[in-house]
Amino acid sequence: MLSAERVLGVSPASHAGSTTLQPRFRPTSHAVAHRESRRSPACQQALRMSPTDWIGWVASAVLIATLGRQVFVQWRERSTEGLSSWLFVGQLTASVLFTIYSALVGNAVFVFTNSVLLGTAIAGQLIFRRNRRLMAAEQGHSHGR
């Protein structure tokens, strides 16, 4: 007859009158360390993250995707309508300061996020200037005819 002990490779152990199943063979700490050492540093870090860290990383991904999409649309539409150059100057300044702050407090989620936001601020400013230049050139051609 097959028993849980034979199928699962466990043996019964009695604790305070109750029977629980315990593994018969436990990996040695060396075997566990070897298995974990084969994982990439990023994988090892992800496995050690707390639920709080996961919330931070998901929030970071959503924010970066949202801003990235806005910069892409601005680039594609070649328009500066409803945008101010000061928006990007403010974002640039805030991103630099938040990146420094995040590094000082040792928060990797915010160091990464604010560094990427700094990149989107720079890209947004460059695209804004390009679009403004294109609009001025178009207006110059339309008035010249």
Protein backbone atom coordinates (compact mmCIF):
# COMPACT_ATOMS: atom_id res chain seq x y z
CA MET A 1 0.00 0.00 0.00
CA LEU A 2 1.27 3.45 -0.89
CA SER A 3 1.54 5.89 1.95
CA ALA A 4 2.19 9.62 2.06
CA GLU A 5 5.59 8.83 3.53
CA ARG A 6 6.63 6.74 0.50
CA VAL A 7 5.08 8.95 -2.20
CA LEU A 8 6.21 12.30 -0.82
CA GLY A 9 9.52 11.14 0.63
CA VAL A 10 8.61 12.30 4.12
CA SER A 11 8.53 10.65 7.47
CA PRO A 12 6.08 11.24 10.29
CA ALA A 13 7.24 13.31 13.23
CA SER A 14 5.34 13.73 16.43
CA HIS A 15 5.14 17.12 18.13
CA ALA A 16 3.01 17.58 21.21
CA GLY A 17 0.83 14.63 20.34
CA SER A 18 0.14 15.61 16.72
CA THR A 19 1.63 13.97 13.68
CA THR A 20 3.14 16.14 10.96
CA LEU A 21 5.10 15.17 7.90
CA GLN A 22 8.77 16.16 7.80
CA PRO A 23 11.09 15.79 4.81
CA ARG A 24 13.41 12.81 5.14
CA PHE A 25 16.14 14.46 3.17
CA ARG A 26 16.93 18.11 3.67
CA PRO A 27 19.38 19.81 1.35
CA THR A 28 22.59 20.79 3.05
CA SER A 29 23.33 24.45 3.42
CA HIS A 30 26.14 23.92 0.89
CA ALA A 31 23.68 22.55 -1.69
CA VAL A 32 21.28 25.46 -1.12
CA ALA A 33 24.12 27.97 -1.37
CA HIS A 34 25.34 26.36 -4.60
CA ARG A 35 21.86 26.46 -6.14
CA GLU A 36 21.41 30.11 -5.13
CA SER A 37 24.87 31.08 -6.39
CA ARG A 38 23.85 30.04 -9.92
CA ARG A 39 21.09 32.67 -9.94
CA SER A 40 21.84 36.07 -11.41
CA PRO A 41 22.34 38.92 -8.92
CA ALA A 42 19.10 40.51 -10.16
CA CYS A 43 17.20 37.25 -9.56
CA GLN A 44 18.72 36.90 -6.09
CA GLN A 45 17.72 40.49 -5.28
CA ALA A 46 14.16 39.95 -6.57
CA LEU A 47 13.77 36.85 -4.40
CA ARG A 48 14.82 38.83 -1.31
CA MET A 49 12.44 41.74 -1.96
CA SER A 50 9.68 42.41 0.51
CA PRO A 51 6.07 43.02 -0.55
CA THR A 52 6.71 46.72 0.14
CA ASP A 53 9.58 46.70 -2.37
CA TRP A 54 7.38 44.99 -4.97
CA ILE A 55 4.75 47.72 -4.55
CA GLY A 56 7.46 50.33 -5.08
CA TRP A 57 8.78 48.65 -8.23
CA VAL A 58 5.29 48.23 -9.71
CA ALA A 59 4.53 51.91 -9.00
CA SER A 60 7.84 52.80 -10.66
CA ALA A 61 6.98 50.78 -13.77
CA VAL A 62 3.54 52.39 -14.07
CA LEU A 63 4.92 55.92 -13.67
CA ILE A 64 7.75 55.36 -16.14
CA ALA A 65 5.40 53.79 -18.69
CA THR A 66 2.97 56.70 -18.35
CA LEU A 67 5.62 59.39 -18.77
CA GLY A 68 7.36 57.45 -21.53
CA ARG A 69 4.08 57.24 -23.42
CA GLN A 70 3.54 61.01 -23.02
CA VAL A 71 7.03 61.78 -24.35
CA PHE A 72 6.45 59.39 -27.28
CA VAL A 73 3.11 61.03 -28.16
CA GLN A 74 4.71 64.48 -27.97
CA TRP A 75 7.48 63.30 -30.32
CA ARG A 76 5.07 61.63 -32.75
CA GLU A 77 2.56 64.49 -32.88
CA ARG A 78 5.30 67.14 -33.28
CA SER A 79 3.24 69.53 -31.21
CA THR A 80 3.89 71.70 -28.18
CA GLU A 81 0.22 72.47 -27.63
CA GLY A 82 -0.62 72.69 -23.95
CA LEU A 83 2.99 72.24 -22.87
CA SER A 84 5.36 74.66 -21.25
CA SER A 85 9.12 74.48 -21.32
CA TRP A 86 8.95 75.12 -17.57
CA LEU A 87 7.17 71.79 -17.10
CA PHE A 88 10.31 69.98 -18.21
CA VAL A 89 12.64 72.33 -16.31
CA GLY A 90 10.64 71.63 -13.14
CA GLN A 91 10.64 67.88 -13.79
CA LEU A 92 14.38 67.96 -14.48
CA THR A 93 15.10 69.83 -11.24
CA ALA A 94 12.81 67.63 -9.15
CA SER A 95 14.28 64.45 -10.67
CA VAL A 96 17.87 65.51 -9.92
CA LEU A 97 16.99 66.42 -6.33
CA PHE A 98 14.88 63.27 -5.76
CA THR A 99 17.65 61.08 -7.19
CA ILE A 100 20.18 62.62 -4.80
CA TYR A 101 17.76 62.29 -1.88
CA SER A 102 16.95 58.66 -2.76
CA ALA A 103 20.64 57.79 -2.93
CA LEU A 104 21.28 59.46 0.43
CA VAL A 105 18.51 57.47 2.13
CA GLY A 106 19.56 54.29 0.30
CA ASN A 107 16.31 53.54 -1.54
CA ALA A 108 17.13 51.65 -4.75
CA VAL A 109 13.56 51.82 -6.08
CA PHE A 110 13.55 55.60 -6.01
CA VAL A 111 17.14 55.98 -7.22
CA PHE A 112 16.22 53.95 -10.31
CA THR A 113 12.83 55.59 -10.85
CA ASN A 114 14.10 59.14 -10.44
CA SER A 115 17.07 58.45 -12.70
CA VAL A 116 14.70 57.26 -15.44
CA LEU A 117 12.42 60.25 -14.82
CA LEU A 118 15.46 62.48 -15.25
CA GLY A 119 15.98 60.86 -18.65
CA THR A 120 12.34 61.48 -19.62
CA ALA A 121 12.67 65.13 -18.53
CA ILE A 122 15.71 65.57 -20.76
CA ALA A 123 14.02 63.79 -23.68
CA GLY A 124 10.85 65.84 -23.15
CA GLN A 125 12.79 69.11 -23.16
CA LEU A 126 14.67 68.16 -26.34
CA ILE A 127 11.46 67.11 -28.09
CA PHE A 128 9.68 70.27 -26.92
CA ARG A 129 12.44 72.43 -28.42
CA ARG A 130 12.43 70.44 -31.67
CA ASN A 131 8.65 70.73 -31.98
CA ARG A 132 8.73 74.47 -31.26
CA ARG A 133 11.43 74.91 -33.91
CA LEU A 134 9.37 72.89 -36.44
CA MET A 135 6.25 74.93 -35.72
CA ALA A 136 8.17 78.19 -36.16
CA ALA A 137 9.58 76.94 -39.47
CA GLU A 138 6.10 75.94 -40.69
CA GLN A 139 4.67 79.32 -39.73
CA GLY A 140 7.55 81.04 -41.52
CA HIS A 141 6.84 79.08 -44.71
CA SER A 142 3.10 79.68 -44.56
CA HIS A 143 3.54 83.46 -44.04
CA GLY A 144 6.15 83.67 -46.81
CA ARG A 145 3.79 82.37 -49.54
